């Protein structure tokens, strides 16, 4: 069973993504920020990481840079609602420059999410 790690500071988003992915047959773990997400990934590596961009503590771009440096082949999806500015495209374009495989605007469309996950890791 393929394993996915969700990193997002919003508990509702983590819960919704977790439910969607578990129903699709994936094993899912989640973290409220990049620091905890990196610790979880080191202990039990995921096949795919889905990370928010704007988070307190260790934010998404910093997390993506560290993941790419340590795990260059890891599949990563960036998600963002754009924060107070409501301009997720700016943050997602930045994430793409740092090597994410896909980017999705929040609220994440269920079908788009599942299509991206299936394309990147199968099952």
N, C-alpha and C. Protein backbone atom coordinates (compact mmCIF):
# COMPACT_ATOMS: atom_id res chain seq x y z
N UNK A 1 0.85 -1.18 0.00
CA UNK A 1 0.00 0.00 0.00
C UNK A 1 0.89 1.24 0.00
N UNK A 2 0.61 2.17 -0.88
CA UNK A 2 1.39 3.40 -0.99
C UNK A 2 1.06 4.32 0.19
N UNK A 3 2.11 5.01 0.65
CA UNK A 3 2.00 5.85 1.84
C UNK A 3 2.12 7.33 1.48
N UNK A 4 1.20 8.15 2.03
CA UNK A 4 1.17 9.59 1.75
C UNK A 4 1.26 10.35 3.07
N UNK A 5 2.08 11.40 3.07
CA UNK A 5 2.19 12.29 4.22
C UNK A 5 1.61 13.64 3.84
N UNK A 6 0.65 14.11 4.63
CA UNK A 6 0.03 15.42 4.42
C UNK A 6 0.60 16.39 5.45
N UNK A 7 1.09 17.54 4.99
CA UNK A 7 1.60 18.57 5.89
C UNK A 7 0.77 19.83 5.67
N UNK A 8 -0.01 20.20 6.67
CA UNK A 8 -0.86 21.40 6.59
C UNK A 8 -1.21 21.84 8.00
N UNK A 9 -1.19 23.14 8.23
CA UNK A 9 -1.48 23.65 9.57
C UNK A 9 -2.97 23.67 9.89
N UNK A 10 -3.82 23.52 8.89
CA UNK A 10 -5.27 23.53 9.12
C UNK A 10 -5.77 22.10 9.33
N UNK A 11 -6.24 21.83 10.54
CA UNK A 11 -6.70 20.48 10.89
C UNK A 11 -7.83 20.00 9.97
N UNK A 12 -8.74 20.90 9.61
CA UNK A 12 -9.86 20.51 8.73
C UNK A 12 -9.36 20.06 7.36
N UNK A 13 -8.38 20.76 6.84
CA UNK A 13 -7.82 20.39 5.53
C UNK A 13 -7.14 19.03 5.63
N UNK A 14 -6.32 18.84 6.67
CA UNK A 14 -5.66 17.53 6.85
C UNK A 14 -6.69 16.42 6.94
N UNK A 15 -7.74 16.65 7.70
CA UNK A 15 -8.77 15.63 7.89
C UNK A 15 -9.48 15.30 6.57
N UNK A 16 -9.84 16.32 5.83
CA UNK A 16 -10.53 16.12 4.55
C UNK A 16 -9.64 15.38 3.55
N UNK A 17 -8.38 15.80 3.45
CA UNK A 17 -7.45 15.12 2.54
C UNK A 17 -7.22 13.68 2.98
N UNK A 18 -7.07 13.48 4.29
CA UNK A 18 -6.84 12.13 4.82
C UNK A 18 -8.01 11.21 4.45
N UNK A 19 -9.24 11.68 4.71
CA UNK A 19 -10.43 10.86 4.39
C UNK A 19 -10.47 10.51 2.91
N UNK A 20 -10.25 11.50 2.07
CA UNK A 20 -10.30 11.29 0.62
C UNK A 20 -9.27 10.24 0.19
N UNK A 21 -8.06 10.38 0.69
CA UNK A 21 -6.98 9.48 0.28
C UNK A 21 -7.13 8.08 0.88
N UNK A 22 -7.57 8.00 2.13
CA UNK A 22 -7.78 6.68 2.73
C UNK A 22 -8.90 5.93 2.01
N UNK A 23 -9.95 6.62 1.65
CA UNK A 23 -11.05 5.98 0.90
C UNK A 23 -10.57 5.47 -0.45
N UNK A 24 -9.55 6.12 -1.00
CA UNK A 24 -8.99 5.69 -2.29
C UNK A 24 -7.97 4.57 -2.12
N UNK A 25 -7.71 4.15 -0.87
CA UNK A 25 -6.85 3.00 -0.63
C UNK A 25 -5.42 3.31 -0.24
N UNK A 26 -5.13 4.55 0.11
CA UNK A 26 -3.77 4.91 0.50
C UNK A 26 -3.62 4.90 2.02
N UNK A 27 -2.42 4.64 2.49
CA UNK A 27 -2.09 4.78 3.91
C UNK A 27 -1.68 6.25 4.08
N UNK A 28 -2.24 6.93 5.10
CA UNK A 28 -2.02 8.37 5.25
C UNK A 28 -1.57 8.72 6.66
N UNK A 29 -0.60 9.61 6.73
CA UNK A 29 -0.16 10.19 7.99
C UNK A 29 -0.18 11.70 7.78
N UNK A 30 -0.34 12.48 8.87
CA UNK A 30 -0.35 13.92 8.68
C UNK A 30 0.42 14.65 9.76
N UNK A 31 0.79 15.89 9.44
CA UNK A 31 1.58 16.74 10.34
C UNK A 31 1.10 18.18 10.22
N UNK A 32 1.16 18.95 11.33
CA UNK A 32 0.69 20.33 11.32
C UNK A 32 1.70 21.35 10.81
N UNK A 33 2.95 20.96 10.59
CA UNK A 33 3.94 21.89 10.03
C UNK A 33 5.09 21.10 9.43
N UNK A 34 5.94 21.80 8.70
CA UNK A 34 7.03 21.15 8.00
C UNK A 34 8.04 20.45 8.89
N UNK A 35 8.32 21.02 10.05
CA UNK A 35 9.28 20.40 10.97
C UNK A 35 8.83 19.03 11.41
N UNK A 36 7.58 18.93 11.83
CA UNK A 36 7.03 17.64 12.26
C UNK A 36 6.92 16.70 11.06
N UNK A 37 6.53 17.25 9.92
CA UNK A 37 6.44 16.44 8.71
C UNK A 37 7.77 15.81 8.33
N UNK A 38 8.84 16.59 8.41
CA UNK A 38 10.17 16.06 8.10
C UNK A 38 10.57 14.96 9.08
N UNK A 39 10.26 15.14 10.36
CA UNK A 39 10.56 14.11 11.36
C UNK A 39 9.81 12.82 11.04
N UNK A 40 8.52 12.94 10.72
CA UNK A 40 7.71 11.75 10.39
C UNK A 40 8.25 11.05 9.15
N UNK A 41 8.65 11.84 8.15
CA UNK A 41 9.16 11.25 6.92
C UNK A 41 10.49 10.52 7.16
N UNK A 42 11.34 11.08 8.01
CA UNK A 42 12.61 10.41 8.33
C UNK A 42 12.37 9.08 9.03
N UNK A 43 11.38 9.03 9.92
CA UNK A 43 11.08 7.81 10.67
C UNK A 43 10.42 6.74 9.81
N UNK A 44 9.52 7.18 8.94
CA UNK A 44 8.74 6.25 8.13
C UNK A 44 8.50 6.90 6.76
N UNK A 45 9.41 6.74 5.82
CA UNK A 45 9.33 7.46 4.55
C UNK A 45 8.02 7.25 3.79
N UNK A 46 7.51 8.35 3.24
CA UNK A 46 6.29 8.33 2.44
C UNK A 46 6.66 8.18 0.96
N UNK A 47 5.70 7.70 0.18
CA UNK A 47 5.88 7.63 -1.27
C UNK A 47 5.58 8.98 -1.91
N UNK A 48 4.77 9.79 -1.20
CA UNK A 48 4.33 11.10 -1.70
C UNK A 48 4.08 12.00 -0.51
N UNK A 49 4.47 13.28 -0.66
CA UNK A 49 4.15 14.28 0.36
C UNK A 49 3.30 15.36 -0.27
N UNK A 50 2.22 15.71 0.42
CA UNK A 50 1.37 16.83 0.03
C UNK A 50 1.59 17.90 1.09
N UNK A 51 2.10 19.06 0.68
CA UNK A 51 2.38 20.11 1.66
C UNK A 51 1.74 21.44 1.30
N UNK A 52 1.20 22.07 2.33
CA UNK A 52 0.73 23.44 2.22
C UNK A 52 1.96 24.33 2.10
N UNK A 53 1.77 25.55 1.64
CA UNK A 53 2.88 26.49 1.52
C UNK A 53 2.96 27.41 2.73
N UNK A 54 1.84 28.05 3.07
CA UNK A 54 1.84 29.03 4.16
C UNK A 54 1.46 28.36 5.47
N UNK A 55 2.46 28.21 6.35
CA UNK A 55 2.24 27.58 7.66
C UNK A 55 3.14 28.28 8.69
N UNK A 56 2.70 28.30 9.95
CA UNK A 56 3.61 28.79 10.99
C UNK A 56 4.72 27.76 11.21
N UNK A 57 5.67 28.09 12.01
CA UNK A 57 6.82 27.22 12.27
C UNK A 57 7.59 27.02 10.97
N UNK A 58 7.72 25.80 10.50
CA UNK A 58 8.46 25.54 9.25
C UNK A 58 7.47 25.53 8.10
N UNK A 59 7.57 26.54 7.23
CA UNK A 59 6.60 26.68 6.15
C UNK A 59 6.94 25.79 4.95
N UNK A 60 6.05 25.81 3.96
CA UNK A 60 6.13 24.86 2.86
C UNK A 60 7.34 24.97 1.95
N UNK A 61 7.71 26.19 1.56
CA UNK A 61 8.85 26.33 0.64
C UNK A 61 10.13 25.81 1.31
N UNK A 62 10.32 26.18 2.56
CA UNK A 62 11.48 25.70 3.32
C UNK A 62 11.46 24.17 3.42
N UNK A 63 10.29 23.61 3.64
CA UNK A 63 10.13 22.16 3.73
C UNK A 63 10.45 21.50 2.39
N UNK A 64 9.94 22.07 1.31
CA UNK A 64 10.18 21.53 -0.04
C UNK A 64 11.68 21.55 -0.36
N UNK A 65 12.35 22.66 -0.05
CA UNK A 65 13.79 22.76 -0.31
C UNK A 65 14.54 21.67 0.43
N UNK A 66 14.21 21.47 1.69
CA UNK A 66 14.90 20.45 2.48
C UNK A 66 14.60 19.04 1.95
N UNK A 67 13.34 18.79 1.60
CA UNK A 67 12.98 17.48 1.05
C UNK A 67 13.72 17.21 -0.26
N UNK A 68 13.77 18.19 -1.14
CA UNK A 68 14.45 18.02 -2.43
C UNK A 68 15.94 17.77 -2.24
N UNK A 69 16.54 18.44 -1.27
CA UNK A 69 17.97 18.26 -1.02
C UNK A 69 18.26 16.85 -0.49
N UNK A 70 17.42 16.37 0.43
CA UNK A 70 17.68 15.07 1.05
C UNK A 70 17.07 13.89 0.30
N UNK A 71 15.97 14.13 -0.40
CA UNK A 71 15.24 13.05 -1.09
C UNK A 71 14.89 13.52 -2.51
N UNK A 72 15.86 13.60 -3.40
CA UNK A 72 15.63 14.20 -4.72
C UNK A 72 14.56 13.51 -5.57
N UNK A 73 14.29 12.23 -5.33
CA UNK A 73 13.31 11.51 -6.14
C UNK A 73 11.92 11.46 -5.52
N UNK A 74 11.76 12.01 -4.33
CA UNK A 74 10.48 12.00 -3.64
C UNK A 74 9.43 12.78 -4.44
N UNK A 75 8.23 12.25 -4.52
CA UNK A 75 7.13 12.94 -5.19
C UNK A 75 6.48 13.92 -4.21
N UNK A 76 6.27 15.17 -4.66
CA UNK A 76 5.71 16.22 -3.80
C UNK A 76 4.63 16.98 -4.55
N UNK A 77 3.50 17.16 -3.85
CA UNK A 77 2.42 18.02 -4.34
C UNK A 77 2.31 19.20 -3.39
N UNK A 78 2.33 20.42 -3.93
CA UNK A 78 2.15 21.63 -3.12
C UNK A 78 0.70 22.08 -3.25
N UNK A 79 0.14 22.54 -2.11
CA UNK A 79 -1.22 23.09 -2.12
C UNK A 79 -1.19 24.46 -1.43
N UNK A 80 -2.05 25.36 -1.89
CA UNK A 80 -2.12 26.68 -1.25
C UNK A 80 -3.45 27.34 -1.56
N UNK A 81 -3.92 28.08 -0.57
CA UNK A 81 -5.10 28.93 -0.75
C UNK A 81 -4.72 30.39 -0.90
N UNK A 82 -3.44 30.68 -0.78
CA UNK A 82 -2.94 32.03 -0.99
C UNK A 82 -2.91 32.91 0.25
N UNK A 83 -3.34 32.38 1.38
CA UNK A 83 -3.30 33.18 2.61
C UNK A 83 -4.19 34.40 2.54
N UNK A 84 -3.81 35.43 3.27
CA UNK A 84 -4.62 36.67 3.31
C UNK A 84 -4.70 37.34 1.95
N UNK A 85 -3.69 37.14 1.12
CA UNK A 85 -3.67 37.78 -0.19
C UNK A 85 -4.60 37.10 -1.19
N UNK A 86 -4.98 35.85 -0.89
CA UNK A 86 -5.85 35.07 -1.79
C UNK A 86 -5.25 34.96 -3.19
N UNK A 87 -3.94 34.81 -3.25
CA UNK A 87 -3.25 34.65 -4.53
C UNK A 87 -2.38 33.38 -4.50
N UNK A 88 -3.04 32.22 -4.50
CA UNK A 88 -2.28 30.96 -4.39
C UNK A 88 -1.31 30.74 -5.55
N UNK A 89 -1.62 31.28 -6.72
CA UNK A 89 -0.78 31.04 -7.89
C UNK A 89 0.65 31.51 -7.66
N UNK A 90 0.82 32.64 -6.95
CA UNK A 90 2.16 33.17 -6.67
C UNK A 90 2.97 32.14 -5.88
N UNK A 91 2.36 31.59 -4.83
CA UNK A 91 3.06 30.64 -3.97
C UNK A 91 3.29 29.31 -4.67
N UNK A 92 2.31 28.87 -5.46
CA UNK A 92 2.45 27.60 -6.16
C UNK A 92 3.49 27.67 -7.27
N UNK A 93 3.59 28.82 -7.93
CA UNK A 93 4.63 29.01 -8.95
C UNK A 93 6.00 28.95 -8.31
N UNK A 94 6.13 29.56 -7.13
CA UNK A 94 7.39 29.50 -6.39
C UNK A 94 7.73 28.05 -6.03
N UNK A 95 6.73 27.31 -5.55
CA UNK A 95 6.94 25.91 -5.18
C UNK A 95 7.40 25.09 -6.39
N UNK A 96 6.83 25.37 -7.56
CA UNK A 96 7.21 24.65 -8.77
C UNK A 96 8.67 24.92 -9.12
N UNK A 97 9.13 26.15 -8.87
CA UNK A 97 10.54 26.47 -9.14
C UNK A 97 11.48 25.70 -8.23
N UNK A 98 10.98 25.27 -7.06
CA UNK A 98 11.80 24.49 -6.14
C UNK A 98 11.60 22.99 -6.31
N UNK A 99 10.86 22.59 -7.34
CA UNK A 99 10.85 21.18 -7.70
C UNK A 99 9.66 20.32 -7.31
N UNK A 100 8.52 20.92 -6.95
CA UNK A 100 7.37 20.06 -6.68
C UNK A 100 6.90 19.44 -7.99
N UNK A 101 6.28 18.28 -7.89
CA UNK A 101 5.82 17.58 -9.09
C UNK A 101 4.48 18.09 -9.59
N UNK A 102 3.64 18.55 -8.67
CA UNK A 102 2.32 19.10 -9.01
C UNK A 102 1.96 20.17 -7.99
N UNK A 103 1.03 21.05 -8.38
CA UNK A 103 0.53 22.05 -7.44
C UNK A 103 -0.98 22.17 -7.64
N UNK A 104 -1.69 22.34 -6.51
CA UNK A 104 -3.15 22.43 -6.54
C UNK A 104 -3.60 23.60 -5.66
N UNK A 105 -4.62 24.30 -6.13
CA UNK A 105 -5.19 25.43 -5.40
C UNK A 105 -6.22 24.92 -4.40
N UNK A 106 -6.16 25.47 -3.18
CA UNK A 106 -7.19 25.16 -2.16
C UNK A 106 -8.40 26.05 -2.42
N UNK A 107 -9.60 25.56 -2.18
CA UNK A 107 -9.90 24.20 -1.74
C UNK A 107 -9.59 23.21 -2.86
N UNK A 108 -8.95 22.14 -2.48
CA UNK A 108 -8.49 21.14 -3.44
C UNK A 108 -9.68 20.34 -3.96
N UNK A 109 -9.78 20.26 -5.27
CA UNK A 109 -10.81 19.46 -5.91
C UNK A 109 -10.44 17.98 -5.75
N UNK A 110 -11.39 17.20 -5.25
CA UNK A 110 -11.17 15.78 -4.97
C UNK A 110 -10.65 15.02 -6.20
N UNK A 111 -11.29 15.20 -7.33
CA UNK A 111 -10.89 14.48 -8.54
C UNK A 111 -9.50 14.88 -9.01
N UNK A 112 -9.18 16.18 -8.92
CA UNK A 112 -7.85 16.66 -9.31
C UNK A 112 -6.78 16.07 -8.39
N UNK A 113 -7.09 16.01 -7.09
CA UNK A 113 -6.15 15.45 -6.12
C UNK A 113 -5.88 13.98 -6.44
N UNK A 114 -6.94 13.21 -6.58
CA UNK A 114 -6.78 11.77 -6.83
C UNK A 114 -6.07 11.50 -8.17
N UNK A 115 -6.35 12.32 -9.18
CA UNK A 115 -5.68 12.16 -10.47
C UNK A 115 -4.18 12.44 -10.34
N UNK A 116 -3.83 13.50 -9.60
CA UNK A 116 -2.41 13.84 -9.42
C UNK A 116 -1.69 12.75 -8.63
N UNK A 117 -2.33 12.26 -7.56
CA UNK A 117 -1.71 11.21 -6.75
C UNK A 117 -1.52 9.95 -7.57
N UNK A 118 -2.54 9.56 -8.31
CA UNK A 118 -2.45 8.35 -9.12
C UNK A 118 -1.36 8.48 -10.19
N UNK A 119 -1.27 9.65 -10.80
CA UNK A 119 -0.25 9.89 -11.81
C UNK A 119 1.16 9.78 -11.23
N UNK A 120 1.34 10.28 -10.00
CA UNK A 120 2.67 10.32 -9.40
C UNK A 120 3.09 9.00 -8.74
N UNK A 121 2.14 8.30 -8.08
CA UNK A 121 2.55 7.08 -7.37
C UNK A 121 1.70 5.85 -7.68
N UNK A 122 0.68 6.00 -8.49
CA UNK A 122 -0.11 4.85 -8.87
C UNK A 122 -1.07 4.36 -7.82
N UNK A 123 -1.56 3.13 -8.03
CA UNK A 123 -2.54 2.42 -7.20
C UNK A 123 -3.88 2.94 -7.40
